[in-house]
PDB file of N, CA and C in Angstrom:
ATOM      1  N   MET A   1     179.894 145.674 237.858  1.00  0.00           N
ATOM      2  CA  MET A   1     178.845 146.453 237.313  1.00  0.00           C
ATOM      3  C   MET A   1     179.569 147.504 236.056  1.00  0.00           C
ATOM      4  N   GLU A   2     180.757 147.743 236.136  1.00  0.00           N
ATOM      5  CA  GLU A   2     181.624 148.338 234.988  1.00  0.00           C
ATOM      6  C   GLU A   2     181.319 147.671 233.776  1.00  0.00           C
ATOM      7  N   TRP A   3     181.371 146.361 233.688  1.00  0.00           N
ATOM      8  CA  TRP A   3     181.439 145.577 232.607  1.00  0.00           C
ATOM      9  C   TRP A   3     180.104 145.596 231.788  1.00  0.00           C
ATOM     10  N   PHE A   4     178.930 145.820 232.742  1.00  0.00           N
ATOM     11  CA  PHE A   4     177.689 145.928 232.161  1.00  0.00           C
ATOM     12  C   PHE A   4     177.521 147.331 231.557  1.00  0.00           C
ATOM     13  N   THR A   5     177.947 148.360 232.297  1.00  0.00           N
ATOM     14  CA  THR A   5     177.795 149.587 231.689  1.00  0.00           C
ATOM     15  C   THR A   5     178.437 149.710 230.335  1.00  0.00           C
ATOM     16  N   ASN A   6     179.646 149.142 230.134  1.00  0.00           N
ATOM     17  CA  ASN A   6     180.598 149.057 228.998  1.00  0.00           C
ATOM     18  C   ASN A   6     179.845 148.348 227.850  1.00  0.00           C
ATOM     19  N   LEU A   7     179.033 147.207 228.402  1.00  0.00           N
ATOM     20  CA  LEU A   7     178.248 146.457 227.286  1.00  0.00           C
ATOM     21  C   LEU A   7     177.376 147.178 226.862  1.00  0.00           C
ATOM     22  N   LEU A   8     176.423 148.061 227.715  1.00  0.00           N
ATOM     23  CA  LEU A   8     175.460 148.516 227.157  1.00  0.00           C
ATOM     24  C   LEU A   8     175.852 150.022 226.471  1.00  0.00           C
ATOM     25  N   ARG A   9     176.864 150.641 226.616  1.00  0.00           N
ATOM     26  CA  ARG A   9     177.424 151.599 225.998  1.00  0.00           C
ATOM     27  C   ARG A   9     178.267 151.225 224.565  1.00  0.00           C
ATOM     28  N   HIS A  10     178.442 149.957 224.535  1.00  0.00           N
ATOM     29  CA  HIS A  10     179.231 149.313 223.206  1.00  0.00           C
ATOM     30  C   HIS A  10     177.878 148.845 222.396  1.00  0.00           C
ATOM     31  N   TYR A  11     176.870 148.248 223.065  1.00  0.00           N
ATOM     32  CA  TYR A  11     175.480 147.983 222.267  1.00  0.00           C
ATOM     33  C   TYR A  11     174.210 148.539 223.008  1.00  0.00           C
ATOM     34  N   PRO A  12     174.085 149.971 222.343  1.00  0.00           N
ATOM     35  CA  PRO A  12     172.892 150.630 222.993  1.00  0.00           C
ATOM     36  C   PRO A  12     171.785 150.121 222.476  1.00  0.00           C
ATOM     37  N   GLU A  13     171.419 149.196 221.452  1.00  0.00           N
ATOM     38  CA  GLU A  13     170.114 148.666 221.370  1.00  0.00           C
ATOM     39  C   GLU A  13     169.914 147.862 222.537  1.00  0.00           C
ATOM     40  N   LEU A  14     170.921 147.095 222.976  1.00  0.00           N
ATOM     41  CA  LEU A  14     170.604 146.054 224.061  1.00  0.00           C
ATOM     42  C   LEU A  14     170.092 146.969 225.094  1.00  0.00           C
ATOM     43  N   ALA A  15     170.416 148.165 225.478  1.00  0.00           N
ATOM     44  CA  ALA A  15     170.069 149.132 226.589  1.00  0.00           C
ATOM     45  C   ALA A  15     168.417 149.272 226.405  1.00  0.00           C
ATOM     46  N   ILE A  16     168.059 149.473 225.223  1.00  0.00           N
ATOM     47  CA  ILE A  16     166.689 149.747 224.794  1.00  0.00           C
ATOM     48  C   ILE A  16     165.868 148.616 225.084  1.00  0.00           C
ATOM     49  N   PHE A  17     166.404 147.441 224.706  1.00  0.00           N
ATOM     50  CA  PHE A  17     165.449 146.217 225.095  1.00  0.00           C
ATOM     51  C   PHE A  17     165.275 145.822 226.254  1.00  0.00           C
ATOM     52  N   LEU A  18     166.431 145.884 227.051  1.00  0.00           N
ATOM     53  CA  LEU A  18     166.500 145.558 228.467  1.00  0.00           C
ATOM     54  C   LEU A  18     165.614 146.458 229.217  1.00  0.00           C
ATOM     55  N   THR A  19     165.618 147.870 228.853  1.00  0.00           N
ATOM     56  CA  THR A  19     164.734 148.800 229.382  1.00  0.00           C
ATOM     57  C   THR A  19     163.080 148.435 229.292  1.00  0.00           C
ATOM     58  N   LEU A  20     162.771 147.892 228.057  1.00  0.00           N
ATOM     59  CA  LEU A  20     161.479 147.535 227.690  1.00  0.00           C
ATOM     60  C   LEU A  20     160.962 146.047 228.770  1.00  0.00           C
ATOM     61  N   ALA A  21     162.060 145.272 228.497  1.00  0.00           N
ATOM     62  CA  ALA A  21     161.837 144.106 229.280  1.00  0.00           C
ATOM     63  C   ALA A  21     161.722 144.414 230.749  1.00  0.00           C
ATOM     64  N   PHE A  22     162.714 145.050 231.455  1.00  0.00           N
ATOM     65  CA  PHE A  22     162.532 145.447 232.750  1.00  0.00           C
ATOM     66  C   PHE A  22     161.370 146.136 233.287  1.00  0.00           C
ATOM     67  N   GLY A  23     161.016 147.040 232.336  1.00  0.00           N
ATOM     68  CA  GLY A  23     159.805 147.786 232.431  1.00  0.00           C
ATOM     69  C   GLY A  23     158.585 146.826 232.536  1.00  0.00           C
ATOM     70  N   PHE A  24     158.388 146.029 231.617  1.00  0.00           N
ATOM     71  CA  PHE A  24     157.085 145.072 231.533  1.00  0.00           C
ATOM     72  C   PHE A  24     157.065 144.021 232.742  1.00  0.00           C
ATOM     73  N   TRP A  25     158.526 143.698 233.167  1.00  0.00           N
ATOM     74  CA  TRP A  25     158.548 142.751 234.301  1.00  0.00           C
ATOM     75  C   TRP A  25     157.833 143.609 235.688  1.00  0.00           C
ATOM     76  N   ILE A  26     158.469 144.931 235.847  1.00  0.00           N
ATOM     77  CA  ILE A  26     158.163 145.524 237.007  1.00  0.00           C
ATOM     78  C   ILE A  26     156.754 145.880 237.138  1.00  0.00           C
ATOM     79  N   GLY A  27     156.270 146.334 235.743  1.00  0.00           N
ATOM     80  CA  GLY A  27     154.967 146.621 235.641  1.00  0.00           C
ATOM     81  C   GLY A  27     153.669 145.523 236.182  1.00  0.00           C
ATOM     82  N   LYS A  28     154.152 144.498 236.053  1.00  0.00           N
ATOM     83  CA  LYS A  28     153.240 143.476 236.661  1.00  0.00           C
ATOM     84  C   LYS A  28     152.954 143.377 238.045  1.00  0.00           C
ATOM     85  N   PHE A  29     153.887 143.823 238.770  1.00  0.00           N
ATOM     86  CA  PHE A  29     153.793 143.841 240.169  1.00  0.00           C
ATOM     87  C   PHE A  29     152.619 144.564 240.818  1.00  0.00           C
ATOM     88  N   LYS A  30     151.878 144.158 241.837  1.00  0.00           N
ATOM     89  CA  LYS A  30     150.922 145.124 242.462  1.00  0.00           C
ATOM     90  C   LYS A  30     151.351 145.066 244.088  1.00  0.00           C
ATOM     91  N   ILE A  31     151.305 146.023 244.834  1.00  0.00           N
ATOM     92  CA  ILE A  31     151.207 146.036 246.129  1.00  0.00           C
ATOM     93  C   ILE A  31     149.800 146.513 246.459  1.00  0.00           C
ATOM     94  N   GLY A  32     148.958 145.571 247.259  1.00  0.00           N
ATOM     95  CA  GLY A  32     147.817 145.834 247.637  1.00  0.00           C
ATOM     96  C   GLY A  32     146.873 146.170 246.203  1.00  0.00           C
ATOM     97  N   LYS A  33     146.445 147.202 246.228  1.00  0.00           N
ATOM     98  CA  LYS A  33     145.570 147.674 244.794  1.00  0.00           C
ATOM     99  C   LYS A  33     146.469 148.698 243.994  1.00  0.00           C
ATOM    100  N   PHE A  34     147.707 148.966 244.481  1.00  0.00           N
ATOM    101  CA  PHE A  34     148.597 149.764 243.852  1.00  0.00           C
ATOM    102  C   PHE A  34     149.487 149.054 242.712  1.00  0.00           C
ATOM    103  N   SER A  35     149.502 149.720 241.556  1.00  0.00           N
ATOM    104  CA  SER A  35     150.434 149.226 240.574  1.00  0.00           C
ATOM    105  C   SER A  35     151.042 150.307 239.690  1.00  0.00           C
ATOM    106  N   LEU A  36     152.096 150.226 239.243  1.00  0.00           N
ATOM    107  CA  LEU A  36     152.526 151.305 238.343  1.00  0.00           C
ATOM    108  C   LEU A  36     152.112 151.234 237.084  1.00  0.00           C
ATOM    109  N   GLY A  37     152.028 149.959 236.580  1.00  0.00           N
ATOM    110  CA  GLY A  37     151.708 149.811 235.024  1.00  0.00           C
ATOM    111  C   GLY A  37     152.791 149.872 234.248  1.00  0.00           C
ATOM    112  N   THR A  38     152.626 149.208 233.242  1.00  0.00           N
ATOM    113  CA  THR A  38     153.729 148.920 232.114  1.00  0.00           C
ATOM    114  C   THR A  38     154.133 150.365 231.660  1.00  0.00           C
ATOM    115  N   VAL A  39     153.594 151.075 231.411  1.00  0.00           N
ATOM    116  CA  VAL A  39     154.069 152.256 230.739  1.00  0.00           C
ATOM    117  C   VAL A  39     154.984 153.160 231.588  1.00  0.00           C
ATOM    118  N   THR A  40     154.316 153.455 233.004  1.00  0.00           N
ATOM    119  CA  THR A  40     155.325 154.121 234.008  1.00  0.00           C
ATOM    120  C   THR A  40     156.446 153.402 234.313  1.00  0.00           C
ATOM    121  N   SER A  41     156.257 152.047 234.370  1.00  0.00           N
ATOM    122  CA  SER A  41     157.534 151.134 234.637  1.00  0.00           C
ATOM    123  C   SER A  41     158.646 151.323 233.900  1.00  0.00           C
ATOM    124  N   VAL A  42     158.044 151.234 232.554  1.00  0.00           N
ATOM    125  CA  VAL A  42     159.220 151.494 231.269  1.00  0.00           C
ATOM    126  C   VAL A  42     159.899 152.759 231.394  1.00  0.00           C
ATOM    127  N   LEU A  43     159.012 153.581 231.573  1.00  0.00           N
ATOM    128  CA  LEU A  43     159.656 155.258 231.773  1.00  0.00           C
ATOM    129  C   LEU A  43     160.517 155.308 232.880  1.00  0.00           C
ATOM    130  N   LEU A  44     160.329 154.674 234.182  1.00  0.00           N
ATOM    131  CA  LEU A  44     161.170 154.901 235.135  1.00  0.00           C
ATOM    132  C   LEU A  44     162.462 154.000 234.990  1.00  0.00           C
ATOM    133  N   VAL A  45     162.284 152.847 234.498  1.00  0.00           N
ATOM    134  CA  VAL A  45     163.572 151.929 234.347  1.00  0.00           C
ATOM    135  C   VAL A  45     164.375 152.778 233.134  1.00  0.00           C
ATOM    136  N   GLY A  46     163.814 153.340 232.152  1.00  0.00           N
ATOM    137  CA  GLY A  46     164.581 154.240 231.209  1.00  0.00           C
ATOM    138  C   GLY A  46     165.030 155.201 231.772  1.00  0.00           C
ATOM    139  N   VAL A  47     164.541 155.975 232.776  1.00  0.00           N
ATOM    140  CA  VAL A  47     165.364 157.118 233.326  1.00  0.00           C
ATOM    141  C   VAL A  47     166.424 156.552 234.156  1.00  0.00           C
ATOM    142  N   LEU A  48     166.232 155.399 234.785  1.00  0.00           N
ATOM    143  CA  LEU A  48     167.503 154.666 235.444  1.00  0.00           C
ATOM    144  C   LEU A  48     168.686 154.377 234.649  1.00  0.00           C
ATOM    145  N   ILE A  49     168.354 153.657 233.545  1.00  0.00           N
ATOM    146  CA  ILE A  49     169.531 153.234 232.611  1.00  0.00           C
ATOM    147  C   ILE A  49     169.850 154.473 231.749  1.00  0.00           C
ATOM    148  N   GLY A  50     169.219 155.394 231.739  1.00  0.00           N
ATOM    149  CA  GLY A  50     169.748 156.793 231.120  1.00  0.00           C
ATOM    150  C   GLY A  50     170.808 157.272 232.081  1.00  0.00           C
ATOM    151  N   GLN A  51     170.649 157.050 233.285  1.00  0.00           N
ATOM    152  CA  GLN A  51     172.012 157.748 234.098  1.00  0.00           C
ATOM    153  C   GLN A  51     173.268 157.267 233.955  1.00  0.00           C
ATOM    154  N   LEU A  52     173.287 156.015 233.190  1.00  0.00           N
ATOM    155  CA  LEU A  52     174.566 155.409 232.804  1.00  0.00           C
ATOM    156  C   LEU A  52     175.420 156.127 231.687  1.00  0.00           C
ATOM    157  N   HIS A  53     174.675 157.386 230.988  1.00  0.00           N
ATOM    158  CA  HIS A  53     175.159 158.018 229.946  1.00  0.00           C
ATOM    159  C   HIS A  53     175.505 157.074 228.840  1.00  0.00           C
ATOM    160  N   ILE A  54     174.432 156.503 228.114  1.00  0.00           N
ATOM    161  CA  ILE A  54     174.606 155.785 227.173  1.00  0.00           C
ATOM    162  C   ILE A  54     173.998 156.369 225.894  1.00  0.00           C
ATOM    163  N   ASP A  55     174.833 156.734 224.936  1.00  0.00           N
ATOM    164  CA  ASP A  55     174.544 157.382 223.599  1.00  0.00           C
ATOM    165  C   ASP A  55     173.794 156.431 222.664  1.00  0.00           C
ATOM    166  N   ILE A  56     172.671 156.754 222.249  1.00  0.00           N
ATOM    167  CA  ILE A  56     171.755 155.994 221.390  1.00  0.00           C
ATOM    168  C   ILE A  56     171.810 157.053 220.070  1.00  0.00           C
ATOM    169  N   GLY A  57     172.248 156.408 219.130  1.00  0.00           N
ATOM    170  CA  GLY A  57     172.324 156.750 217.597  1.00  0.00           C
ATOM    171  C   GLY A  57     170.915 157.301 217.151  1.00  0.00           C
ATOM    172  N   GLN A  58     170.953 158.294 216.179  1.00  0.00           N
ATOM    173  CA  GLN A  58     170.009 159.072 215.611  1.00  0.00           C
ATOM    174  C   GLN A  58     168.888 158.404 215.026  1.00  0.00           C
ATOM    175  N   PRO A  59     169.482 157.351 214.158  1.00  0.00           N
ATOM    176  CA  PRO A  59     168.427 156.485 213.624  1.00  0.00           C
ATOM    177  C   PRO A  59     167.580 155.421 214.610  1.00  0.00           C
ATOM    178  N   ILE A  60     168.300 155.158 215.578  1.00  0.00           N
ATOM    179  CA  ILE A  60     167.539 154.308 216.406  1.00  0.00           C
ATOM    180  C   ILE A  60     166.509 155.223 217.239  1.00  0.00           C
ATOM    181  N   LYS A  61     167.045 156.458 217.558  1.00  0.00           N
ATOM    182  CA  LYS A  61     165.863 157.120 218.176  1.00  0.00           C
ATOM    183  C   LYS A  61     164.785 157.376 217.548  1.00  0.00           C
ATOM    184  N   SER A  62     165.040 157.759 215.968  1.00  0.00           N
ATOM    185  CA  SER A  62     163.851 157.996 215.155  1.00  0.00           C
ATOM    186  C   SER A  62     163.105 156.838 215.070  1.00  0.00           C
ATOM    187  N   VAL A  63     163.510 155.350 214.832  1.00  0.00           N
ATOM    188  CA  VAL A  63     162.805 154.538 214.690  1.00  0.00           C
ATOM    189  C   VAL A  63     161.897 154.153 215.903  1.00  0.00           C
ATOM    190  N   PHE A  64     162.498 154.286 217.111  1.00  0.00           N
ATOM    191  CA  PHE A  64     161.664 153.889 218.394  1.00  0.00           C
ATOM    192  C   PHE A  64     160.669 155.186 218.556  1.00  0.00           C
ATOM    193  N   PHE A  65     161.101 156.344 218.325  1.00  0.00           N
ATOM    194  CA  PHE A  65     160.066 157.507 218.304  1.00  0.00           C
ATOM    195  C   PHE A  65     158.889 157.252 217.543  1.00  0.00           C
ATOM    196  N   LEU A  66     159.028 156.931 216.215  1.00  0.00           N
ATOM    197  CA  LEU A  66     157.953 156.517 215.239  1.00  0.00           C
ATOM    198  C   LEU A  66     157.343 155.406 215.922  1.00  0.00           C
ATOM    199  N   LEU A  67     158.005 154.342 216.342  1.00  0.00           N
ATOM    200  CA  LEU A  67     156.963 153.270 216.915  1.00  0.00           C
ATOM    201  C   LEU A  67     156.109 153.701 217.989  1.00  0.00           C
ATOM    202  N   PHE A  68     156.527 154.712 218.766  1.00  0.00           N
ATOM    203  CA  PHE A  68     155.956 155.150 219.900  1.00  0.00           C
ATOM    204  C   PHE A  68     154.612 155.927 219.252  1.00  0.00           C
ATOM    205  N   LEU A  69     154.841 156.833 218.396  1.00  0.00           N
ATOM    206  CA  LEU A  69     153.845 157.409 217.663  1.00  0.00           C
ATOM    207  C   LEU A  69     152.755 156.688 217.104  1.00  0.00           C
ATOM    208  N   PHE A  70     153.306 155.665 216.440  1.00  0.00           N
ATOM    209  CA  PHE A  70     152.350 154.520 215.836  1.00  0.00           C
ATOM    210  C   PHE A  70     151.451 153.946 216.972  1.00  0.00           C
ATOM    211  N   ALA A  71     152.050 153.538 217.985  1.00  0.00           N
ATOM    212  CA  ALA A  71     151.284 152.769 219.263  1.00  0.00           C
ATOM    213  C   ALA A  71     150.187 153.964 219.773  1.00  0.00           C
ATOM    214  N   VAL A  72     150.789 154.913 220.028  1.00  0.00           N
ATOM    215  CA  VAL A  72     149.766 155.904 220.442  1.00  0.00           C
ATOM    216  C   VAL A  72     148.673 156.370 219.796  1.00  0.00           C
ATOM    217  N   GLY A  73     148.858 156.510 218.370  1.00  0.00           N
ATOM    218  CA  GLY A  73     147.765 156.612 217.524  1.00  0.00           C
ATOM    219  C   GLY A  73     146.967 155.596 217.395  1.00  0.00           C
ATOM    220  N   TYR A  74     147.343 154.334 217.162  1.00  0.00           N
ATOM    221  CA  TYR A  74     146.699 153.187 216.928  1.00  0.00           C
ATOM    222  C   TYR A  74     145.767 153.021 218.415  1.00  0.00           C
ATOM    223  N   SER A  75     146.052 153.294 219.470  1.00  0.00           N
ATOM    224  CA  SER A  75     145.242 153.105 220.561  1.00  0.00           C
ATOM    225  C   SER A  75     144.047 154.482 220.799  1.00  0.00           C
ATOM    226  N   VAL A  76     144.671 155.609 220.264  1.00  0.00           N
ATOM    227  CA  VAL A  76     143.710 156.666 220.596  1.00  0.00           C
ATOM    228  C   VAL A  76     142.820 157.030 219.263  1.00  0.00           C
ATOM    229  N   GLY A  77     143.389 156.640 218.082  1.00  0.00           N
ATOM    230  CA  GLY A  77     142.559 156.827 216.795  1.00  0.00           C
ATOM    231  C   GLY A  77     141.057 156.606 216.918  1.00  0.00           C
ATOM    232  N   PRO A  78     140.600 155.444 217.464  1.00  0.00           N
ATOM    233  CA  PRO A  78     139.031 155.438 217.473  1.00  0.00           C
ATOM    234  C   PRO A  78     138.405 156.535 218.335  1.00  0.00           C
ATOM    235  N   GLN A  79     138.942 156.758 219.530  1.00  0.00           N
ATOM    236  CA  GLN A  79     138.477 158.023 220.279  1.00  0.00           C
ATOM    237  C   GLN A  79     138.279 159.062 219.639  1.00  0.00           C
ATOM    238  N   PHE A  80     139.582 159.565 219.113  1.00  0.00           N
ATOM    239  CA  PHE A  80     139.793 160.833 218.226  1.00  0.00           C
ATOM    240  C   PHE A  80     138.456 160.836 217.138  1.00  0.00           C
ATOM    241  N   PHE A  81     138.167 159.712 216.579  1.00  0.00           N
ATOM    242  CA  PHE A  81     137.182 159.945 215.271  1.00  0.00           C
ATOM    243  C   PHE A  81     135.784 160.155 215.946  1.00  0.00           C
ATOM    244  N   ARG A  82     135.671 159.228 217.046  1.00  0.00           N
ATOM    245  CA  ARG A  82     134.155 159.356 217.843  1.00  0.00           C
ATOM    246  C   ARG A  82     133.945 160.948 218.240  1.00  0.00           C
ATOM    247  N   GLY A  83     135.059 161.276 218.849  1.00  0.00           N
ATOM    248  CA  GLY A  83     135.136 162.740 219.393  1.00  0.00           C
ATOM    249  C   GLY A  83     134.576 163.869 218.154  1.00  0.00           C
ATOM    250  N   LEU A  84     135.355 163.312 216.912  1.00  0.00           N
ATOM    251  CA  LEU A  84     135.026 164.248 215.925  1.00  0.00           C
ATOM    252  C   LEU A  84     133.397 164.059 215.345  1.00  0.00           C
ATOM    253  N   LYS A  85     133.014 163.119 215.666  1.00  0.00           N
ATOM    254  CA  LYS A  85     131.600 162.768 215.229  1.00  0.00           C
ATOM    255  C   LYS A  85     130.723 163.472 216.137  1.00  0.00           C
ATOM    256  N   LYS A  86     130.964 163.729 217.274  1.00  0.00           N
ATOM    257  CA  LYS A  86     130.047 164.208 218.363  1.00  0.00           C
ATOM    258  C   LYS A  86     130.152 165.676 218.316  1.00  0.00           C
ATOM    259  N   GLU A  87     131.578 166.254 218.468  1.00  0.00           N
ATOM    260  CA  GLU A  87     131.768 167.613 218.309  1.00  0.00           C
ATOM    261  C   GLU A  87     132.708 168.225 217.324  1.00  0.00           C
ATOM    262  N   GLY A  88     132.334 167.554 216.172  1.00  0.00           N
ATOM    263  CA  GLY A  88     133.552 167.897 215.092  1.00  0.00           C
ATOM    264  C   GLY A  88     132.936 169.165 214.254  1.00  0.00           C
ATOM    265  N   LEU A  89     131.883 169.301 214.065  1.00  0.00           N
ATOM    266  CA  LEU A  89     131.345 170.372 213.283  1.00  0.00           C
ATOM    267  C   LEU A  89     131.532 171.660 213.911  1.00  0.00           C
ATOM    268  N   PRO A  90     131.202 172.107 215.241  1.00  0.00           N
ATOM    269  CA  PRO A  90     131.507 173.238 215.908  1.00  0.00           C
ATOM    270  C   PRO A  90     132.839 173.521 215.584  1.00  0.00           C
ATOM    271  N   GLN A  91     133.768 172.612 215.900  1.00  0.00           N
ATOM    272  CA  GLN A  91     135.290 172.704 216.008  1.00  0.00           C
ATOM    273  C   GLN A  91     135.663 173.220 214.596  1.00  0.00           C
ATOM    274  N   VAL A  92     135.323 172.576 213.738  1.00  0.00           N
ATOM    275  CA  VAL A  92     135.838 172.825 212.295  1.00  0.00           C
ATOM    276  C   VAL A  92     135.300 174.341 211.886  1.00  0.00           C
ATOM    277  N   LEU A  93     134.035 174.744 212.390  1.00  0.00           N
ATOM    278  CA  LEU A  93     133.444 176.166 212.096  1.00  0.00           C
ATOM    279  C   LEU A  93     134.311 177.222 212.697  1.00  0.00           C
ATOM    280  N   PHE A  94     134.843 176.655 214.134  1.00  0.00           N
ATOM    281  CA  PHE A  94     135.591 177.732 214.633  1.00  0.00           C
ATOM    282  C   PHE A  94     137.041 177.945 214.312  1.00  0.00           C
ATOM    283  N   ALA A  95     137.645 176.694 213.611  1.00  0.00           N
ATOM    284  CA  ALA A  95     138.954 176.749 213.195  1.00  0.00           C
ATOM    285  C   ALA A  95     138.661 177.605 211.598  1.00  0.00           C
ATOM    286  N   ALA A  96     137.841 177.373 210.781  1.00  0.00           N
ATOM    287  CA  ALA A  96     137.665 178.251 209.822  1.00  0.00           C
ATOM    288  C   ALA A  96     137.532 179.541 209.953  1.00  0.00           C
ATOM    289  N   LEU A  97     136.855 179.810 210.761  1.00  0.00           N
ATOM    290  CA  LEU A  97     136.596 181.525 211.514  1.00  0.00           C
ATOM    291  C   LEU A  97     137.847 181.931 211.784  1.00  0.00           C
ATOM    292  N   MET A  98     138.770 181.365 212.437  1.00  0.00           N
ATOM    293  CA  MET A  98     139.960 181.663 213.081  1.00  0.00           C
ATOM    294  C   MET A  98     140.702 181.916 211.671  1.00  0.00           C
ATOM    295  N   CYS A  99     140.835 181.067 210.991  1.00  0.00           N
ATOM    296  CA  CYS A  99     141.674 181.142 209.752  1.00  0.00           C
ATOM    297  C   CYS A  99     141.219 182.544 208.965  1.00  0.00           C
ATOM    298  N   LEU A 100     139.860 182.664 208.804  1.00  0.00           N
ATOM    299  CA  LEU A 100     139.564 183.748 208.155  1.00  0.00           C
ATOM    300  C   LEU A 100     140.001 185.257 208.676  1.00  0.00           C
ATOM    301  N   PHE A 101     140.124 185.382 210.123  1.00  0.00           N
ATOM    302  CA  PHE A 101     140.274 186.608 210.681  1.00  0.00           C
ATOM    303  C   PHE A 101     141.754 186.295 210.534  1.00  0.00           C
TER     304      PHE A 101
END
């Protein structure tokens, strides 16, 4: 097990991709009607691998954080604009009123 930890510490990118792979793999399993899902599984595997004290460089952290933000924005974007279409005008007027005060 020590060689595996040293390998992940030496190549932190490998730790990230293994986290994603194991998370997606575990997320497919169902017990009855219960399933963790891929997002929860990746987060849990990330917590477990994070216990190995692997230092991830700042550029790699930034790239993966930006990829995460892109994915969230890509999936939530249409809902955001539909919400603005329905209730956007009162919220814009409230925000303008707050700025004036």
